[in-house]
Amino acid sequence: MRNWAGNVEFTSHEVARPTTIDELRRIVAGAPGRRLHAIGSRHSFNRVADGRDLLVDVSAIDTPIEVDGELAWCGAGVRYGELTEVLDRKGRALHNLPSLPHVTVGGAVATATH
């Protein structure tokens, strides 16, 4: 597996892509002793998300985006393009955004990039 640009090849060979929270729970519970790492859209320029026994892509889990006043909640697999559309409809915005709309919230958090 490679990053979005194709210039970084990950050494982890196993990627799980759960579609529900329950499936994610089973994956995590079924991997004692293994090193897991959540991955986003793979828009990384380095191997910060690599070197784990199992990479977990949560982008297929359908989680709602909730906005309540000044607070917003969303799943790790939500892409910033989706999040900003919902926030805009609620009259809200984020102070800082990645340069591309397909970057996931979880990926940005996991790599401390945004």
PDB file of N, CA and C in Angstrom:
ATOM      1  N   MET A   1       0.843  -1.157   0.000  1.00  0.00           N
ATOM      2  CA  MET A   1       0.000   0.000   0.000  1.00  0.00           C
ATOM      3  C   MET A   1       0.899   1.235   0.000  1.00  0.00           C
ATOM      4  N   ARG A   2       0.448   2.239  -0.733  1.00  0.00           N
ATOM      5  CA  ARG A   2       1.215   3.480  -0.841  1.00  0.00           C
ATOM      6  C   ARG A   2       0.370   4.667  -0.376  1.00  0.00           C
ATOM      7  N   ASN A   3       1.064   5.766  -0.145  1.00  0.00           N
ATOM      8  CA  ASN A   3       0.343   6.981   0.199  1.00  0.00           C
ATOM      9  C   ASN A   3      -0.339   7.541  -1.049  1.00  0.00           C
ATOM     10  N   TRP A   4      -1.045   8.632  -0.899  1.00  0.00           N
ATOM     11  CA  TRP A   4      -1.829   9.227  -1.993  1.00  0.00           C
ATOM     12  C   TRP A   4      -0.967   9.570  -3.207  1.00  0.00           C
ATOM     13  N   ALA A   5       0.261   9.981  -2.981  1.00  0.00           N
ATOM     14  CA  ALA A   5       1.132  10.395  -4.089  1.00  0.00           C
ATOM     15  C   ALA A   5       1.912   9.229  -4.688  1.00  0.00           C
ATOM     16  N   GLY A   6       1.923   8.093  -3.980  1.00  0.00           N
ATOM     17  CA  GLY A   6       2.647   6.932  -4.479  1.00  0.00           C
ATOM     18  C   GLY A   6       4.127   6.940  -4.149  1.00  0.00           C
ATOM     19  N   ASN A   7       4.605   7.937  -3.411  1.00  0.00           N
ATOM     20  CA  ASN A   7       6.041   8.022  -3.135  1.00  0.00           C
ATOM     21  C   ASN A   7       6.444   7.431  -1.782  1.00  0.00           C
ATOM     22  N   VAL A   8       5.466   7.006  -0.978  1.00  0.00           N
ATOM     23  CA  VAL A   8       5.767   6.348   0.295  1.00  0.00           C
ATOM     24  C   VAL A   8       5.060   5.001   0.297  1.00  0.00           C
ATOM     25  N   GLU A   9       5.842   3.948   0.466  1.00  0.00           N
ATOM     26  CA  GLU A   9       5.268   2.612   0.525  1.00  0.00           C
ATOM     27  C   GLU A   9       5.239   2.161   1.980  1.00  0.00           C
ATOM     28  N   PHE A  10       4.062   1.734   2.444  1.00  0.00           N
ATOM     29  CA  PHE A  10       3.915   1.291   3.817  1.00  0.00           C
ATOM     30  C   PHE A  10       4.409  -0.140   3.960  1.00  0.00           C
ATOM     31  N   THR A  11       5.016  -0.425   5.112  1.00  0.00           N
ATOM     32  CA  THR A  11       5.515  -1.778   5.344  1.00  0.00           C
ATOM     33  C   THR A  11       4.441  -2.680   5.926  1.00  0.00           C
ATOM     34  N   SER A  12       3.416  -2.085   6.533  1.00  0.00           N
ATOM     35  CA  SER A  12       2.311  -2.885   7.059  1.00  0.00           C
ATOM     36  C   SER A  12       1.555  -3.509   5.897  1.00  0.00           C
ATOM     37  N   HIS A  13       1.325  -4.809   5.983  1.00  0.00           N
ATOM     38  CA  HIS A  13       0.675  -5.502   4.878  1.00  0.00           C
ATOM     39  C   HIS A  13      -0.797  -5.786   5.119  1.00  0.00           C
ATOM     40  N   GLU A  14      -1.242  -5.601   6.344  1.00  0.00           N
ATOM     41  CA  GLU A  14      -2.629  -5.918   6.659  1.00  0.00           C
ATOM     42  C   GLU A  14      -3.404  -4.642   6.990  1.00  0.00           C
ATOM     43  N   VAL A  15      -4.522  -4.463   6.297  1.00  0.00           N
ATOM     44  CA  VAL A  15      -5.388  -3.317   6.533  1.00  0.00           C
ATOM     45  C   VAL A  15      -6.801  -3.830   6.757  1.00  0.00           C
ATOM     46  N   ALA A  16      -7.393  -3.433   7.869  1.00  0.00           N
ATOM     47  CA  ALA A  16      -8.791  -3.773   8.143  1.00  0.00           C
ATOM     48  C   ALA A  16      -9.632  -2.547   7.820  1.00  0.00           C
ATOM     49  N   ARG A  17     -10.806  -2.771   7.236  1.00  0.00           N
ATOM     50  CA  ARG A  17     -11.696  -1.663   6.883  1.00  0.00           C
ATOM     51  C   ARG A  17     -13.103  -1.977   7.372  1.00  0.00           C
ATOM     52  N   PRO A  18     -13.333  -1.826   8.680  1.00  0.00           N
ATOM     53  CA  PRO A  18     -14.652  -2.131   9.230  1.00  0.00           C
ATOM     54  C   PRO A  18     -15.712  -1.164   8.700  1.00  0.00           C
ATOM     55  N   THR A  19     -16.947  -1.632   8.678  1.00  0.00           N
ATOM     56  CA  THR A  19     -18.048  -0.791   8.210  1.00  0.00           C
ATOM     57  C   THR A  19     -19.003  -0.405   9.337  1.00  0.00           C
ATOM     58  N   THR A  20     -18.795  -0.974  10.522  1.00  0.00           N
ATOM     59  CA  THR A  20     -19.624  -0.638  11.676  1.00  0.00           C
ATOM     60  C   THR A  20     -18.734  -0.511  12.911  1.00  0.00           C
ATOM     61  N   ILE A  21     -19.256   0.152  13.927  1.00  0.00           N
ATOM     62  CA  ILE A  21     -18.534   0.270  15.196  1.00  0.00           C
ATOM     63  C   ILE A  21     -18.352  -1.106  15.830  1.00  0.00           C
ATOM     64  N   ASP A  22     -19.377  -1.960  15.743  1.00  0.00           N
ATOM     65  CA  ASP A  22     -19.253  -3.313  16.304  1.00  0.00           C
ATOM     66  C   ASP A  22     -18.148  -4.102  15.621  1.00  0.00           C
ATOM     67  N   GLU A  23     -18.036  -3.972  14.314  1.00  0.00           N
ATOM     68  CA  GLU A  23     -16.969  -4.660  13.589  1.00  0.00           C
ATOM     69  C   GLU A  23     -15.602  -4.122  14.028  1.00  0.00           C
ATOM     70  N   LEU A  24     -15.502  -2.816  14.216  1.00  0.00           N
ATOM     71  CA  LEU A  24     -14.260  -2.218  14.707  1.00  0.00           C
ATOM     72  C   LEU A  24     -13.915  -2.762  16.092  1.00  0.00           C
ATOM     73  N   ARG A  25     -14.902  -2.867  16.959  1.00  0.00           N
ATOM     74  CA  ARG A  25     -14.675  -3.432  18.300  1.00  0.00           C
ATOM     75  C   ARG A  25     -14.137  -4.853  18.216  1.00  0.00           C
ATOM     76  N   ARG A  26     -14.719  -5.663  17.329  1.00  0.00           N
ATOM     77  CA  ARG A  26     -14.254  -7.051  17.177  1.00  0.00           C
ATOM     78  C   ARG A  26     -12.809  -7.100  16.675  1.00  0.00           C
ATOM     79  N   ILE A  27     -12.471  -6.211  15.757  1.00  0.00           N
ATOM     80  CA  ILE A  27     -11.098  -6.175  15.234  1.00  0.00           C
ATOM     81  C   ILE A  27     -10.115  -5.837  16.343  1.00  0.00           C
ATOM     82  N   VAL A  28     -10.433  -4.812  17.120  1.00  0.00           N
ATOM     83  CA  VAL A  28      -9.543  -4.392  18.204  1.00  0.00           C
ATOM     84  C   VAL A  28      -9.465  -5.469  19.283  1.00  0.00           C
ATOM     85  N   ALA A  29     -10.602  -6.021  19.684  1.00  0.00           N
ATOM     86  CA  ALA A  29     -10.621  -7.057  20.723  1.00  0.00           C
ATOM     87  C   ALA A  29      -9.916  -8.330  20.260  1.00  0.00           C
ATOM     88  N   GLY A  30      -9.952  -8.593  18.966  1.00  0.00           N
ATOM     89  CA  GLY A  30      -9.349  -9.805  18.430  1.00  0.00           C
ATOM     90  C   GLY A  30      -7.881  -9.673  18.097  1.00  0.00           C
ATOM     91  N   ALA A  31      -7.276  -8.575  18.502  1.00  0.00           N
ATOM     92  CA  ALA A  31      -5.877  -8.357  18.159  1.00  0.00           C
ATOM     93  C   ALA A  31      -5.000  -8.121  19.385  1.00  0.00           C
ATOM     94  N   PRO A  32      -5.167  -8.927  20.452  1.00  0.00           N
ATOM     95  CA  PRO A  32      -4.318  -8.703  21.630  1.00  0.00           C
ATOM     96  C   PRO A  32      -2.853  -8.942  21.287  1.00  0.00           C
ATOM     97  N   GLY A  33      -2.025  -8.063  21.773  1.00  0.00           N
ATOM     98  CA  GLY A  33      -0.593  -8.197  21.520  1.00  0.00           C
ATOM     99  C   GLY A  33      -0.143  -7.638  20.183  1.00  0.00           C
ATOM    100  N   ARG A  34      -1.079  -7.261  19.342  1.00  0.00           N
ATOM    101  CA  ARG A  34      -0.716  -6.682  18.045  1.00  0.00           C
ATOM    102  C   ARG A  34      -0.728  -5.161  18.153  1.00  0.00           C
ATOM    103  N   ARG A  35       0.090  -4.521  17.366  1.00  0.00           N
ATOM    104  CA  ARG A  35       0.102  -3.061  17.340  1.00  0.00           C
ATOM    105  C   ARG A  35      -0.810  -2.588  16.218  1.00  0.00           C
ATOM    106  N   LEU A  36      -1.833  -1.843  16.596  1.00  0.00           N
ATOM    107  CA  LEU A  36      -2.801  -1.318  15.642  1.00  0.00           C
ATOM    108  C   LEU A  36      -2.594   0.179  15.480  1.00  0.00           C
ATOM    109  N   HIS A  37      -2.928   0.666  14.306  1.00  0.00           N
ATOM    110  CA  HIS A  37      -2.856   2.105  14.073  1.00  0.00           C
ATOM    111  C   HIS A  37      -3.983   2.481  13.126  1.00  0.00           C
ATOM    112  N   ALA A  38      -4.732   3.505  13.497  1.00  0.00           N
ATOM    113  CA  ALA A  38      -5.783   4.005  12.615  1.00  0.00           C
ATOM    114  C   ALA A  38      -5.145   4.834  11.505  1.00  0.00           C
ATOM    115  N   ILE A  39      -5.688   4.687  10.301  1.00  0.00           N
ATOM    116  CA  ILE A  39      -5.193   5.479   9.183  1.00  0.00           C
ATOM    117  C   ILE A  39      -6.348   6.252   8.571  1.00  0.00           C
ATOM    118  N   GLY A  40      -6.018   7.337   7.919  1.00  0.00           N
ATOM    119  CA  GLY A  40      -7.019   8.167   7.264  1.00  0.00           C
ATOM    120  C   GLY A  40      -6.965   7.985   5.756  1.00  0.00           C
ATOM    121  N   SER A  41      -6.857   9.078   5.047  1.00  0.00           N
ATOM    122  CA  SER A  41      -6.862   9.031   3.579  1.00  0.00           C
ATOM    123  C   SER A  41      -5.482   8.738   3.002  1.00  0.00           C
ATOM    124  N   ARG A  42      -4.515   8.475   3.864  1.00  0.00           N
ATOM    125  CA  ARG A  42      -3.130   8.201   3.467  1.00  0.00           C
ATOM    126  C   ARG A  42      -2.501   9.386   2.733  1.00  0.00           C
ATOM    127  N   HIS A  43      -2.864  10.581   3.190  1.00  0.00           N
ATOM    128  CA  HIS A  43      -2.307  11.797   2.601  1.00  0.00           C
ATOM    129  C   HIS A  43      -1.096  12.250   3.401  1.00  0.00           C
ATOM    130  N   SER A  44      -0.242  11.312   3.706  1.00  0.00           N
ATOM    131  CA  SER A  44       0.945  11.589   4.505  1.00  0.00           C
ATOM    132  C   SER A  44       2.165  11.602   3.599  1.00  0.00           C
ATOM    133  N   PHE A  45       3.116  12.427   3.967  1.00  0.00           N
ATOM    134  CA  PHE A  45       4.360  12.510   3.200  1.00  0.00           C
ATOM    135  C   PHE A  45       5.466  11.684   3.835  1.00  0.00           C
ATOM    136  N   ASN A  46       5.135  10.949   4.885  1.00  0.00           N
ATOM    137  CA  ASN A  46       6.131  10.137   5.570  1.00  0.00           C
ATOM    138  C   ASN A  46       5.465   8.881   6.127  1.00  0.00           C
ATOM    139  N   ARG A  47       6.206   8.096   6.874  1.00  0.00           N
ATOM    140  CA  ARG A  47       5.698   6.830   7.392  1.00  0.00           C
ATOM    141  C   ARG A  47       5.171   6.940   8.823  1.00  0.00           C
ATOM    142  N   VAL A  48       4.670   8.103   9.209  1.00  0.00           N
ATOM    143  CA  VAL A  48       4.203   8.295  10.580  1.00  0.00           C
ATOM    144  C   VAL A  48       3.111   7.279  10.951  1.00  0.00           C
ATOM    145  N   ALA A  49       2.305   6.853  10.008  1.00  0.00           N
ATOM    146  CA  ALA A  49       1.237   5.881  10.285  1.00  0.00           C
ATOM    147  C   ALA A  49       1.658   4.451   9.984  1.00  0.00           C
ATOM    148  N   ASP A  50       2.913   4.237   9.674  1.00  0.00           N
ATOM    149  CA  ASP A  50       3.384   2.912   9.281  1.00  0.00           C
ATOM    150  C   ASP A  50       4.039   2.201  10.465  1.00  0.00           C
ATOM    151  N   GLY A  51       4.465   0.985  10.219  1.00  0.00           N
ATOM    152  CA  GLY A  51       5.216   0.233  11.203  1.00  0.00           C
ATOM    153  C   GLY A  51       4.359  -0.454  12.243  1.00  0.00           C
ATOM    154  N   ARG A  52       3.129  -0.686  11.939  1.00  0.00           N
ATOM    155  CA  ARG A  52       2.227  -1.364  12.855  1.00  0.00           C
ATOM    156  C   ARG A  52       1.892  -2.734  12.266  1.00  0.00           C
ATOM    157  N   ASP A  53       1.444  -3.633  13.126  1.00  0.00           N
ATOM    158  CA  ASP A  53       1.043  -4.952  12.651  1.00  0.00           C
ATOM    159  C   ASP A  53      -0.215  -4.873  11.793  1.00  0.00           C
ATOM    160  N   LEU A  54      -1.125  -3.983  12.187  1.00  0.00           N
ATOM    161  CA  LEU A  54      -2.406  -3.886  11.514  1.00  0.00           C
ATOM    162  C   LEU A  54      -2.823  -2.429  11.406  1.00  0.00           C
ATOM    163  N   LEU A  55      -3.100  -1.988  10.198  1.00  0.00           N
ATOM    164  CA  LEU A  55      -3.633  -0.649   9.987  1.00  0.00           C
ATOM    165  C   LEU A  55      -5.150  -0.765   9.928  1.00  0.00           C
ATOM    166  N   VAL A  56      -5.852   0.183  10.526  1.00  0.00           N
ATOM    167  CA  VAL A  56      -7.311   0.158  10.556  1.00  0.00           C
ATOM    168  C   VAL A  56      -7.833   1.420   9.888  1.00  0.00           C
ATOM    169  N   ASP A  57      -8.536   1.230   8.788  1.00  0.00           N
ATOM    170  CA  ASP A  57      -9.132   2.322   8.018  1.00  0.00           C
ATOM    171  C   ASP A  57     -10.605   2.420   8.423  1.00  0.00           C
ATOM    172  N   VAL A  58     -10.971   3.491   9.101  1.00  0.00           N
ATOM    173  CA  VAL A  58     -12.340   3.634   9.604  1.00  0.00           C
ATOM    174  C   VAL A  58     -13.228   4.484   8.689  1.00  0.00           C
ATOM    175  N   SER A  59     -12.769   4.775   7.491  1.00  0.00           N
ATOM    176  CA  SER A  59     -13.519   5.664   6.600  1.00  0.00           C
ATOM    177  C   SER A  59     -14.845   5.074   6.118  1.00  0.00           C
ATOM    178  N   ALA A  60     -15.027   3.782   6.225  1.00  0.00           N
ATOM    179  CA  ALA A  60     -16.275   3.167   5.760  1.00  0.00           C
ATOM    180  C   ALA A  60     -17.348   3.106   6.848  1.00  0.00           C
ATOM    181  N   ILE A  61     -17.003   3.531   8.063  1.00  0.00           N
ATOM    182  CA  ILE A  61     -17.986   3.538   9.152  1.00  0.00           C
ATOM    183  C   ILE A  61     -18.824   4.802   9.013  1.00  0.00           C
ATOM    184  N   ASP A  62     -20.115   4.618   8.853  1.00  0.00           N
ATOM    185  CA  ASP A  62     -21.024   5.746   8.679  1.00  0.00           C
ATOM    186  C   ASP A  62     -21.357   6.336  10.042  1.00  0.00           C
ATOM    187  N   THR A  63     -20.767   7.485  10.347  1.00  0.00           N
ATOM    188  CA  THR A  63     -21.038   8.150  11.619  1.00  0.00           C
ATOM    189  C   THR A  63     -21.603   9.536  11.342  1.00  0.00           C
ATOM    190  N   PRO A  64     -22.598   9.944  12.092  1.00  0.00           N
ATOM    191  CA  PRO A  64     -23.197  11.257  11.857  1.00  0.00           C
ATOM    192  C   PRO A  64     -22.281  12.390  12.309  1.00  0.00           C
ATOM    193  N   ILE A  65     -22.463  13.522  11.683  1.00  0.00           N
ATOM    194  CA  ILE A  65     -21.795  14.740  12.118  1.00  0.00           C
ATOM    195  C   ILE A  65     -22.831  15.507  12.936  1.00  0.00           C
ATOM    196  N   GLU A  66     -22.498  15.783  14.176  1.00  0.00           N
ATOM    197  CA  GLU A  66     -23.434  16.466  15.069  1.00  0.00           C
ATOM    198  C   GLU A  66     -22.874  17.827  15.451  1.00  0.00           C
ATOM    199  N   VAL A  67     -23.739  18.830  15.429  1.00  0.00           N
ATOM    200  CA  VAL A  67     -23.344  20.183  15.817  1.00  0.00           C
ATOM    201  C   VAL A  67     -24.330  20.667  16.867  1.00  0.00           C
ATOM    202  N   ASP A  68     -23.787  21.140  17.976  1.00  0.00           N
ATOM    203  CA  ASP A  68     -24.609  21.663  19.068  1.00  0.00           C
ATOM    204  C   ASP A  68     -23.956  22.951  19.553  1.00  0.00           C
ATOM    205  N   GLY A  69     -24.458  24.070  19.085  1.00  0.00           N
ATOM    206  CA  GLY A  69     -23.866  25.351  19.447  1.00  0.00           C
ATOM    207  C   GLY A  69     -22.460  25.482  18.928  1.00  0.00           C
ATOM    208  N   GLU A  70     -21.519  25.652  19.836  1.00  0.00           N
ATOM    209  CA  GLU A  70     -20.111  25.826  19.460  1.00  0.00           C
ATOM    210  C   GLU A  70     -19.357  24.507  19.324  1.00  0.00           C
ATOM    211  N   LEU A  71     -20.007  23.377  19.630  1.00  0.00           N
ATOM    212  CA  LEU A  71     -19.338  22.080  19.607  1.00  0.00           C
ATOM    213  C   LEU A  71     -19.799  21.239  18.425  1.00  0.00           C
ATOM    214  N   ALA A  72     -18.879  20.450  17.906  1.00  0.00           N
ATOM    215  CA  ALA A  72     -19.201  19.523  16.814  1.00  0.00           C
ATOM    216  C   ALA A  72     -18.525  18.195  17.086  1.00  0.00           C
ATOM    217  N   TRP A  73     -19.200  17.113  16.695  1.00  0.00           N
ATOM    218  CA  TRP A  73     -18.677  15.760  16.843  1.00  0.00           C
ATOM    219  C   TRP A  73     -18.785  15.063  15.501  1.00  0.00           C
ATOM    220  N   CYS A  74     -17.795  14.214  15.212  1.00  0.00           N
ATOM    221  CA  CYS A  74     -17.857  13.415  13.985  1.00  0.00           C
ATOM    222  C   CYS A  74     -16.944  12.204  14.152  1.00  0.00           C
ATOM    223  N   GLY A  75     -17.125  11.244  13.266  1.00  0.00           N
ATOM    224  CA  GLY A  75     -16.281  10.063  13.273  1.00  0.00           C
ATOM    225  C   GLY A  75     -14.923  10.348  12.662  1.00  0.00           C
ATOM    226  N   ALA A  76     -13.958   9.507  12.981  1.00  0.00           N
ATOM    227  CA  ALA A  76     -12.591   9.686  12.495  1.00  0.00           C
ATOM    228  C   ALA A  76     -12.486   9.590  10.980  1.00  0.00           C
ATOM    229  N   GLY A  77     -13.392   8.846  10.353  1.00  0.00           N
ATOM    230  CA  GLY A  77     -13.335   8.675   8.909  1.00  0.00           C
ATOM    231  C   GLY A  77     -13.994   9.781   8.113  1.00  0.00           C
ATOM    232  N   VAL A  78     -14.560  10.766   8.796  1.00  0.00           N
ATOM    233  CA  VAL A  78     -15.201  11.887   8.101  1.00  0.00           C
ATOM    234  C   VAL A  78     -14.135  12.739   7.428  1.00  0.00           C
ATOM    235  N   ARG A  79     -14.394  13.081   6.194  1.00  0.00           N
ATOM    236  CA  ARG A  79     -13.462  13.929   5.447  1.00  0.00           C
ATOM    237  C   ARG A  79     -13.799  15.395   5.719  1.00  0.00           C
ATOM    238  N   TYR A  80     -12.772  16.233   5.724  1.00  0.00           N
ATOM    239  CA  TYR A  80     -12.987  17.638   6.033  1.00  0.00           C
ATOM    240  C   TYR A  80     -13.966  18.309   5.071  1.00  0.00           C
ATOM    241  N   GLY A  81     -14.013  17.891   3.828  1.00  0.00           N
ATOM    242  CA  GLY A  81     -14.976  18.448   2.889  1.00  0.00           C
ATOM    243  C   GLY A  81     -16.407  18.211   3.341  1.00  0.00           C
ATOM    244  N   GLU A  82     -16.678  17.019   3.869  1.00  0.00           N
ATOM    245  CA  GLU A  82     -18.016  16.706   4.391  1.00  0.00           C
ATOM    246  C   GLU A  82     -18.305  17.519   5.655  1.00  0.00           C
ATOM    247  N   LEU A  83     -17.339  17.580   6.545  1.00  0.00           N
ATOM    248  CA  LEU A  83     -17.516  18.276   7.814  1.00  0.00           C
ATOM    249  C   LEU A  83     -17.791  19.766   7.590  1.00  0.00           C
ATOM    250  N   THR A  84     -17.037  20.391   6.707  1.00  0.00           N
ATOM    251  CA  THR A  84     -17.222  21.825   6.499  1.00  0.00           C
ATOM    252  C   THR A  84     -18.566  22.150   5.871  1.00  0.00           C
ATOM    253  N   GLU A  85     -19.095  21.265   5.050  1.00  0.00           N
ATOM    254  CA  GLU A  85     -20.433  21.498   4.480  1.00  0.00           C
ATOM    255  C   GLU A  85     -21.494  21.531   5.581  1.00  0.00           C
ATOM    256  N   VAL A  86     -21.412  20.582   6.502  1.00  0.00           N
ATOM    257  CA  VAL A  86     -22.376  20.535   7.612  1.00  0.00           C
ATOM    258  C   VAL A  86     -22.204  21.757   8.510  1.00  0.00           C
ATOM    259  N   LEU A  87     -20.968  22.089   8.832  1.00  0.00           N
ATOM    260  CA  LEU A  87     -20.719  23.251   9.678  1.00  0.00           C
ATOM    261  C   LEU A  87     -21.227  24.531   9.021  1.00  0.00           C
ATOM    262  N   ASP A  88     -21.010  24.673   7.740  1.00  0.00           N
ATOM    263  CA  ASP A  88     -21.461  25.863   7.025  1.00  0.00           C
ATOM    264  C   ASP A  88     -22.982  26.006   7.090  1.00  0.00           C
ATOM    265  N   ARG A  89     -23.702  24.905   6.919  1.00  0.00           N
ATOM    266  CA  ARG A  89     -25.163  24.950   7.009  1.00  0.00           C
ATOM    267  C   ARG A  89     -25.638  25.387   8.400  1.00  0.00           C
ATOM    268  N   LYS A  90     -24.802  25.127   9.408  1.00  0.00           N
ATOM    269  CA  LYS A  90     -25.136  25.506  10.788  1.00  0.00           C
ATOM    270  C   LYS A  90     -24.559  26.878  11.158  1.00  0.00           C
ATOM    271  N   GLY A  91     -23.947  27.554  10.187  1.00  0.00           N
ATOM    272  CA  GLY A  91     -23.362  28.865  10.461  1.00  0.00           C
ATOM    273  C   GLY A  91     -22.067  28.808  11.248  1.00  0.00           C
ATOM    274  N   ARG A  92     -21.354  27.702  11.129  1.00  0.00           N
ATOM    275  CA  ARG A  92     -20.114  27.492  11.871  1.00  0.00           C
ATOM    276  C   ARG A  92     -18.967  27.205  10.905  1.00  0.00           C
ATOM    277  N   ALA A  93     -17.744  27.264  11.430  1.00  0.00           N
ATOM    278  CA  ALA A  93     -16.558  26.979  10.620  1.00  0.00           C
ATOM    279  C   ALA A  93     -15.432  26.524  11.548  1.00  0.00           C
ATOM    280  N   LEU A  94     -14.370  26.028  10.955  1.00  0.00           N
ATOM    281  CA  LEU A  94     -13.183  25.642  11.706  1.00  0.00           C
ATOM    282  C   LEU A  94     -12.117  26.726  11.544  1.00  0.00           C
ATOM    283  N   HIS A  95     -11.304  26.921  12.576  1.00  0.00           N
ATOM    284  CA  HIS A  95     -10.238  27.919  12.513  1.00  0.00           C
ATOM    285  C   HIS A  95      -9.095  27.478  11.605  1.00  0.00           C
ATOM    286  N   ASN A  96      -8.892  26.189  11.494  1.00  0.00           N
ATOM    287  CA  ASN A  96      -7.756  25.665  10.743  1.00  0.00           C
ATOM    288  C   ASN A  96      -8.215  24.463   9.940  1.00  0.00           C
ATOM    289  N   LEU A  97      -7.810  24.400   8.689  1.00  0.00           N
ATOM    290  CA  LEU A  97      -8.197  23.293   7.810  1.00  0.00           C
ATOM    291  C   LEU A  97      -6.993  22.776   7.048  1.00  0.00           C
ATOM    292  N   PRO A  98      -7.022  21.500   6.679  1.00  0.00           N
ATOM    293  CA  PRO A  98      -5.993  21.005   5.765  1.00  0.00           C
ATOM    294  C   PRO A  98      -6.213  21.613   4.390  1.00  0.00           C
ATOM    295  N   SER A  99      -5.231  21.508   3.546  1.00  0.00           N
ATOM    296  CA  SER A  99      -5.314  22.134   2.221  1.00  0.00           C
ATOM    297  C   SER A  99      -6.204  21.367   1.247  1.00  0.00           C
ATOM    298  N   LEU A 100      -6.572  20.141   1.582  1.00  0.00           N
ATOM    299  CA  LEU A 100      -7.382  19.331   0.677  1.00  0.00           C
ATOM    300  C   LEU A 100      -8.612  18.781   1.394  1.00  0.00           C
ATOM    301  N   PRO A 101      -9.763  18.753   0.718  1.00  0.00           N
ATOM    302  CA  PRO A 101     -11.001  18.340   1.368  1.00  0.00           C
ATOM    303  C   PRO A 101     -11.121  16.846   1.645  1.00  0.00           C
ATOM    304  N   HIS A 102     -10.294  16.020   1.024  1.00  0.00           N
ATOM    305  CA  HIS A 102     -10.430  14.574   1.216  1.00  0.00           C
ATOM    306  C   HIS A 102      -9.649  14.041   2.420  1.00  0.00           C
ATOM    307  N   VAL A 103      -8.914  14.895   3.111  1.00  0.00           N
ATOM    308  CA  VAL A 103      -8.186  14.476   4.302  1.00  0.00           C
ATOM    309  C   VAL A 103      -9.199  14.165   5.404  1.00  0.00           C
ATOM    310  N   THR A 104      -8.988  13.061   6.121  1.00  0.00           N
ATOM    311  CA  THR A 104      -9.934  12.678   7.171  1.00  0.00           C
ATOM    312  C   THR A 104      -9.577  13.328   8.507  1.00  0.00           C
ATOM    313  N   VAL A 105     -10.588  13.541   9.308  1.00  0.00           N
ATOM    314  CA  VAL A 105     -10.394  14.111  10.632  1.00  0.00           C
ATOM    315  C   VAL A 105      -9.498  13.203  11.466  1.00  0.00           C
ATOM    316  N   GLY A 106      -9.767  11.909  11.448  1.00  0.00           N
ATOM    317  CA  GLY A 106      -8.948  10.974  12.207  1.00  0.00           C
ATOM    318  C   GLY A 106      -7.495  10.934  11.755  1.00  0.00           C
ATOM    319  N   GLY A 107      -7.276  11.014  10.465  1.00  0.00           N
ATOM    320  CA  GLY A 107      -5.917  11.022   9.936  1.00  0.00           C
ATOM    321  C   GLY A 107      -5.150  12.263  10.383  1.00  0.00           C
ATOM    322  N   ALA A 108      -5.834  13.399  10.351  1.00  0.00           N
ATOM    323  CA  ALA A 108      -5.201  14.643  10.792  1.00  0.00           C
ATOM    324  C   ALA A 108      -4.880  14.598  12.278  1.00  0.00           C
ATOM    325  N   VAL A 109      -5.788  14.029  13.064  1.00  0.00           N
ATOM    326  CA  VAL A 109      -5.545  13.911  14.504  1.00  0.00           C
ATOM    327  C   VAL A 109      -4.407  12.914  14.769  1.00  0.00           C
ATOM    328  N   ALA A 110      -4.434  11.781  14.085  1.00  0.00           N
ATOM    329  CA  ALA A 110      -3.439  10.730  14.312  1.00  0.00           C
ATOM    330  C   ALA A 110      -2.027  11.185  13.971  1.00  0.00           C
ATOM    331  N   THR A 111      -1.902  12.081  12.992  1.00  0.00           N
ATOM    332  CA  THR A 111      -0.576  12.544  12.583  1.00  0.00           C
ATOM    333  C   THR A 111      -0.246  13.923  13.149  1.00  0.00           C
ATOM    334  N   ALA A 112      -1.170  14.510  13.907  1.00  0.00           N
ATOM    335  CA  ALA A 112      -0.986  15.831  14.522  1.00  0.00           C
ATOM    336  C   ALA A 112      -0.662  16.895  13.477  1.00  0.00           C
ATOM    337  N   THR A 113      -1.358  16.828  12.336  1.00  0.00           N
ATOM    338  CA  THR A 113      -1.061  17.780  11.265  1.00  0.00           C
ATOM    339  C   THR A 113      -2.019  18.949  11.206  1.00  0.00           C
ATOM    340  N   HIS A 114      -3.197  18.829  11.792  1.00  0.00           N
ATOM    341  CA  HIS A 114      -4.159  19.944  11.703  1.00  0.00           C
ATOM    342  C   HIS A 114      -4.949  20.036  12.989  1.00  0.00           C
TER     343      HIS A 114
END
